[in-house]
Amino acid sequence: MGSRLKTPKRGGINHLHRLLGMRSDDTVSRDAVFVSIDLEGGENKTKTYNLGSESNIRQIGIATLDTRDLQQSSLSDDIRTLISVSFFEVIGSKQRDRQCDLTPTRIHPKDVAATITRGICIHDDESDDDDVGSNNNTLRNIILVGHSLGSDLSILRQLGLDIASLAPVLFVLDTHSLSRYIFPPYSPLLPVATPEGQQQDFSLAGVLARFGFRPAPSNFHNAANDAQYTLMAMVFLAIQSGEGRRRQFSPAELGRLARLEKLVSGWRGSAEYPFRLSAGLREVASRILSCEARE
């Protein structure tokens, strides 16, 4: 069955920039929802997940970030308030003690596939099509996001979920791959060798730490937290890579970069916060944001 399932297209940093309006072309629709799915299983996460028996999945985290909300956000918004998170725990599974502010919804093992399907099939509330169940015309475009996404995609295939047919998936984004493209020593943009004796950390915690955001270790490997953290890492990586080409930006693109920086300004207190526009570009961005605030 797995061989007949459609494989979603892989996206890269240029796709992400286009979605966020940091590249002004029409090759990628800017009207989409970023959907991060994190699946927490037992010790052997790669074992076969059989719907006919007990599922090895114990937690499901689904976090979403709507590009419409990004475009309509106010200058006082925080990126964390724009991310919606759903948290599910499978009845009968052994739970590890991990910190999470959300209370999970308990689901039966046989409802795992249906729960994930509902998470990726996002109906368009602004659509004029009343026949919601008839076709994909009323479903929003989604970008599936994950950190080291391959294992979760494999689990979805083993569950028999053909996500590319269930929902209009524009492409999938792997924040692990993006971070290796953006940061040394693997980046073609910054091919700098890692100092001797220093271990390069491209884990989700390691990527977030590069931006001065360090949740407690006990917060990780919780499905709800990891799904949210992955979307936050995606936004950080978009800004970091945008900073590298900001001198090529048009005023409109610069304004969108400045808006993203504003949305993550809660981390500006960190000495490690890396996003600093040059004085001239900061002045241009301030004018654009000021004009938006007055409108």
Protein backbone atom coordinates (compact mmCIF):
# COMPACT_ATOMS: atom_id res chain seq x y z
CA MET A 1 0.00 0.00 0.00
CA GLY A 2 2.82 2.43 0.91
CA SER A 3 4.26 2.35 -2.61
CA ARG A 4 1.00 3.73 -4.04
CA LEU A 5 0.78 6.70 -1.68
CA LYS A 6 1.63 10.10 -3.07
CA THR A 7 4.85 11.69 -1.87
CA PRO A 8 4.47 15.41 -1.03
CA LYS A 9 6.95 17.78 -2.63
CA ARG A 10 9.89 18.93 -0.54
CA GLY A 11 10.25 22.67 -0.04
CA GLY A 12 13.28 24.77 0.80
CA ILE A 13 14.17 28.18 2.13
CA ASN A 14 13.11 29.97 -1.08
CA HIS A 15 9.63 28.43 -0.82
CA LEU A 16 9.43 29.61 2.78
CA HIS A 17 10.50 33.14 1.83
CA ARG A 18 7.84 33.28 -0.88
CA LEU A 19 5.14 32.15 1.52
CA LEU A 20 6.15 34.85 3.98
CA GLY A 21 6.28 37.54 1.28
CA MET A 22 10.06 37.89 1.42
CA ARG A 23 10.34 37.06 -2.28
CA SER A 24 7.91 38.86 -4.54
CA ASP A 25 6.84 36.32 -7.14
CA ASP A 26 3.76 34.22 -7.74
CA THR A 27 5.35 30.77 -8.04
CA VAL A 28 4.02 29.80 -4.58
CA SER A 29 0.63 30.77 -3.18
CA ARG A 30 0.93 32.94 -0.08
CA ASP A 31 -2.48 31.80 1.18
CA ALA A 32 -1.69 28.67 3.19
CA VAL A 33 -1.51 27.24 6.69
CA PHE A 34 1.71 25.89 8.19
CA VAL A 35 0.86 22.64 9.99
CA SER A 36 3.38 21.01 12.30
CA ILE A 37 2.57 17.45 13.40
CA ASP A 38 4.64 15.76 16.08
CA LEU A 39 4.07 12.11 16.95
CA GLU A 40 5.53 10.70 20.14
CA GLY A 41 5.76 6.93 20.32
CA GLY A 42 7.37 4.23 22.38
CA GLU A 43 11.02 3.41 22.58
CA ASN A 44 11.04 2.03 19.01
CA LYS A 45 9.42 4.81 17.01
CA THR A 46 10.20 3.12 13.71
CA LYS A 47 8.17 -0.05 14.43
CA THR A 48 5.14 -0.76 12.24
CA TYR A 49 2.01 1.16 13.27
CA ASN A 50 -0.90 -1.17 12.65
CA LEU A 51 -4.41 0.22 12.94
CA GLY A 52 -5.66 -3.32 13.49
CA SER A 53 -3.80 -3.57 16.78
CA GLU A 54 -2.68 -1.19 19.49
CA SER A 55 -0.97 1.86 18.04
CA ASN A 56 2.53 2.64 19.24
CA ILE A 57 1.70 6.36 19.11
CA ARG A 58 1.11 7.76 22.58
CA GLN A 59 0.89 11.51 21.87
CA ILE A 60 -0.10 13.70 18.94
CA GLY A 61 0.70 17.41 18.76
CA ILE A 62 -0.68 19.57 15.95
CA ALA A 63 0.34 23.23 15.72
CA THR A 64 -0.84 25.63 13.02
CA LEU A 65 0.25 29.06 11.84
CA ASP A 66 -1.98 30.74 9.27
CA THR A 67 -0.37 33.09 6.72
CA ARG A 68 -3.60 35.13 6.85
CA ASP A 69 -3.01 35.76 10.55
CA LEU A 70 0.58 36.75 9.82
CA GLN A 71 -0.55 39.25 7.19
CA GLN A 72 -3.26 40.69 9.44
CA SER A 73 -1.25 40.70 12.66
CA SER A 74 -0.89 43.93 14.58
CA LEU A 75 2.47 45.37 15.61
CA SER A 76 1.75 44.45 19.23
CA ASP A 77 1.22 40.76 18.48
CA ASP A 78 3.58 37.99 19.59
CA ILE A 79 4.26 35.04 17.27
CA ARG A 80 3.30 32.66 20.08
CA THR A 81 -0.27 34.04 20.15
CA LEU A 82 -0.66 33.33 16.42
CA ILE A 83 0.21 29.64 16.77
CA SER A 84 -2.69 27.32 17.63
CA VAL A 85 -1.87 24.01 19.31
CA SER A 86 -3.92 20.82 19.77
CA PHE A 87 -2.72 18.07 22.07
CA PHE A 88 -3.91 14.44 22.16
CA GLU A 89 -2.92 11.45 24.29
CA VAL A 90 -3.77 7.89 23.36
CA ILE A 91 -5.71 5.94 25.96
CA GLY A 92 -3.75 3.04 27.40
CA SER A 93 -0.34 4.28 26.33
CA LYS A 94 2.45 4.73 28.84
CA GLN A 95 3.06 8.44 29.37
CA ARG A 96 6.41 9.99 30.21
CA ASP A 97 6.46 12.87 32.67
CA ARG A 98 6.97 15.92 30.45
CA GLN A 99 6.00 19.52 31.12
CA CYS A 100 3.18 21.00 29.05
CA ASP A 101 0.71 23.78 29.77
CA LEU A 102 -2.02 22.15 27.68
CA THR A 103 -4.42 19.52 28.97
CA PRO A 104 -4.53 16.70 26.40
CA THR A 105 -7.65 15.30 24.80
CA ARG A 106 -7.75 11.54 25.35
CA ILE A 107 -8.41 9.46 22.24
CA HIS A 108 -8.77 5.75 21.48
CA PRO A 109 -5.86 4.10 19.60
CA LYS A 110 -8.13 3.43 16.62
CA ASP A 111 -8.90 7.17 16.36
CA VAL A 112 -5.27 8.14 15.75
CA ALA A 113 -5.58 8.29 11.95
CA ALA A 114 -8.88 10.19 12.07
CA THR A 115 -7.43 12.71 14.54
CA ILE A 116 -4.44 13.41 12.29
CA THR A 117 -6.73 13.67 9.25
CA ARG A 118 -8.85 16.31 10.97
CA GLY A 119 -5.69 18.20 11.85
CA ILE A 120 -4.51 18.52 8.25
CA CYS A 121 -7.92 19.05 6.60
CA ILE A 122 -8.48 22.71 7.41
CA HIS A 123 -11.71 24.06 5.95
CA ASP A 124 -11.75 27.56 4.53
CA ASP A 125 -14.16 29.65 6.60
CA GLU A 126 -13.98 32.39 3.98
CA SER A 127 -14.96 30.10 1.09
CA ASP A 128 -18.30 30.56 -0.70
CA ASP A 129 -18.55 26.81 -1.37
CA ASP A 130 -21.24 25.40 0.95
CA ASP A 131 -20.60 21.81 -0.06
CA VAL A 132 -17.75 21.38 2.40
CA GLY A 133 -17.47 17.61 2.19
CA SER A 134 -17.59 17.27 -1.55
CA ASN A 135 -14.06 18.14 -2.63
CA ASN A 136 -10.88 19.95 -1.74
CA ASN A 137 -12.07 23.33 -3.03
CA THR A 138 -13.00 24.36 0.51
CA LEU A 139 -9.81 23.04 2.10
CA ARG A 140 -6.94 25.38 2.80
CA ASN A 141 -3.54 24.81 1.23
CA ILE A 142 -1.16 23.49 3.88
CA ILE A 143 2.58 23.23 4.33
CA LEU A 144 3.50 20.28 6.51
CA VAL A 145 6.38 21.22 8.83
CA GLY A 146 8.53 18.99 11.01
CA HIS A 147 11.99 18.65 12.49
CA SER A 148 13.62 15.56 10.95
CA LEU A 149 10.30 14.98 9.25
CA GLY A 150 11.17 11.68 7.61
CA SER A 151 10.29 9.45 10.57
CA ASP A 152 6.86 11.07 11.07
CA LEU A 153 6.10 10.84 7.33
CA SER A 154 7.01 7.15 7.53
CA ILE A 155 4.60 6.68 10.43
CA LEU A 156 1.82 8.44 8.51
CA ARG A 157 2.40 6.11 5.57
CA GLN A 158 2.28 3.08 7.86
CA LEU A 159 -1.02 4.38 9.19
CA GLY A 160 -2.25 4.39 5.59
CA LEU A 161 -2.62 8.17 5.51
CA ASP A 162 -2.17 9.59 2.03
CA ILE A 163 -1.81 13.17 3.18
CA ALA A 164 -1.18 14.51 -0.32
CA SER A 165 -4.62 13.23 -1.33
CA LEU A 166 -6.43 14.07 1.89
CA ALA A 167 -5.48 17.75 1.79
CA PRO A 168 -3.89 20.17 -0.71
CA VAL A 169 -0.30 19.92 0.54
CA LEU A 170 1.83 22.49 -1.29
CA PHE A 171 5.01 20.91 0.06
CA VAL A 172 6.71 19.75 3.24
CA LEU A 173 9.36 21.71 5.13
CA ASP A 174 11.97 20.10 7.36
CA THR A 175 13.46 22.57 9.85
CA HIS A 176 16.36 20.20 10.47
CA SER A 177 17.33 20.37 6.77
CA LEU A 178 16.76 24.14 6.70
CA SER A 179 19.04 24.66 9.71
CA ARG A 180 21.82 22.62 8.09
CA TYR A 181 21.46 24.74 4.96
CA ILE A 182 21.58 28.02 6.88
CA PHE A 183 24.23 27.33 9.55
CA PRO A 184 27.86 26.13 9.36
CA PRO A 185 29.56 23.80 8.82
CA TYR A 186 27.25 22.38 6.12
CA SER A 187 25.79 25.63 4.80
CA PRO A 188 26.82 26.60 1.25
CA LEU A 189 26.08 30.17 2.36
CA LEU A 190 28.45 30.15 5.34
CA PRO A 191 30.93 27.30 4.79
CA VAL A 192 32.78 27.76 8.07
CA ALA A 193 34.33 24.75 9.77
CA THR A 194 33.13 23.82 13.24
CA PRO A 195 35.83 24.63 15.84
CA GLU A 196 37.75 21.57 16.97
CA GLY A 197 36.11 19.90 19.93
CA GLN A 198 32.82 21.73 19.44
CA GLN A 199 29.81 19.57 18.59
CA GLN A 200 27.36 21.05 16.09
CA ASP A 201 23.81 20.62 17.43
CA PHE A 202 21.02 20.54 14.86
CA SER A 203 18.43 19.07 17.21
CA LEU A 204 15.26 21.12 17.73
CA ALA A 205 16.59 22.28 21.11
CA GLY A 206 19.95 23.13 19.53
CA VAL A 207 18.38 25.19 16.73
CA LEU A 208 16.17 27.14 19.15
CA ALA A 209 19.16 27.75 21.44
CA ARG A 210 20.94 29.51 18.57
CA PHE A 211 18.26 32.18 18.82
CA GLY A 212 18.48 32.53 22.59
CA PHE A 213 15.31 30.49 23.21
CA ARG A 214 16.00 27.68 25.67
CA PRO A 215 12.96 25.84 27.02
CA ALA A 216 13.64 23.46 29.88
CA PRO A 217 14.90 20.04 28.69
CA SER A 218 11.80 18.46 30.25
CA ASN A 219 9.61 20.46 27.82
CA PHE A 220 10.94 18.56 24.81
CA HIS A 221 9.63 15.22 23.55
CA ASN A 222 6.15 16.34 24.43
CA ALA A 223 4.13 16.30 21.20
CA ALA A 224 2.30 19.60 21.78
CA ASN A 225 5.44 21.48 22.78
CA ASP A 226 7.57 20.08 19.95
CA ALA A 227 4.93 20.89 17.32
CA GLN A 228 4.82 24.50 18.53
CA TYR A 229 8.60 24.79 18.89
CA THR A 230 9.04 23.53 15.32
CA LEU A 231 6.91 26.37 13.92
CA MET A 232 8.83 28.87 16.04
CA ALA A 233 12.12 27.46 14.73
CA MET A 234 10.77 27.80 11.18
CA VAL A 235 10.06 31.50 11.70
CA PHE A 236 13.48 32.06 13.30
CA LEU A 237 15.20 30.34 10.38
CA ALA A 238 13.21 32.40 7.86
CA ILE A 239 14.35 35.62 9.53
CA GLN A 240 17.95 34.44 9.87
CA SER A 241 18.17 33.53 6.19
CA GLY A 242 16.31 36.71 5.21
CA GLU A 243 18.86 38.77 7.07
CA GLY A 244 21.53 37.25 4.83
CA ARG A 245 19.94 38.72 1.70
CA ARG A 246 18.24 41.82 3.13
CA ARG A 247 20.21 44.21 0.93
CA GLN A 248 18.47 42.67 -2.06
CA PHE A 249 15.01 43.28 -0.59
CA SER A 250 12.48 45.63 -2.09
CA PRO A 251 10.85 48.02 0.42
CA ALA A 252 7.79 45.75 0.59
CA GLU A 253 9.92 42.66 1.26
CA LEU A 254 11.91 44.54 3.87
CA GLY A 255 8.68 45.54 5.54
CA ARG A 256 7.61 41.90 5.79
CA LEU A 257 10.97 40.94 7.26
CA ALA A 258 10.63 43.76 9.78
CA ARG A 259 7.11 42.56 10.65
CA LEU A 260 8.41 39.05 11.34
CA GLU A 261 11.17 40.48 13.51
CA LYS A 262 8.56 42.46 15.41
CA LEU A 263 6.52 39.30 16.02
CA VAL A 264 9.50 37.59 17.68
CA SER A 265 10.62 40.71 19.56
CA GLY A 266 9.83 38.97 22.87
CA TRP A 267 13.28 37.43 22.61
CA ARG A 268 15.10 40.71 22.04
CA GLY A 269 16.09 40.72 25.69
CA SER A 270 18.50 37.87 25.02
CA ALA A 271 22.11 38.87 24.41
CA GLU A 272 22.19 36.16 21.75
CA TYR A 273 19.24 37.52 19.78
CA PRO A 274 20.82 37.83 16.31
CA PHE A 275 18.35 39.89 14.29
CA ARG A 276 19.66 43.41 13.87
CA LEU A 277 18.88 45.49 10.79
CA SER A 278 21.53 47.97 9.72
CA ALA A 279 20.76 51.61 10.54
CA GLY A 280 19.65 52.50 7.00
CA LEU A 281 17.45 49.45 6.58
CA ARG A 282 16.06 49.89 10.08
CA GLU A 283 14.92 53.40 9.11
CA VAL A 284 13.17 52.08 5.98
CA ALA A 285 11.52 49.26 7.95
CA SER A 286 10.40 51.69 10.68
CA ARG A 287 8.73 53.91 8.07
CA ILE A 288 6.90 50.93 6.58
CA LEU A 289 5.72 49.67 9.95
CA SER A 290 4.69 53.17 11.00
CA CYS A 291 2.59 53.53 7.85
CA GLU A 292 0.92 50.19 8.56
CA ALA A 293 0.20 51.25 12.15
CA ARG A 294 -1.54 54.41 10.96
CA GLU A 295 -3.75 52.61 8.40
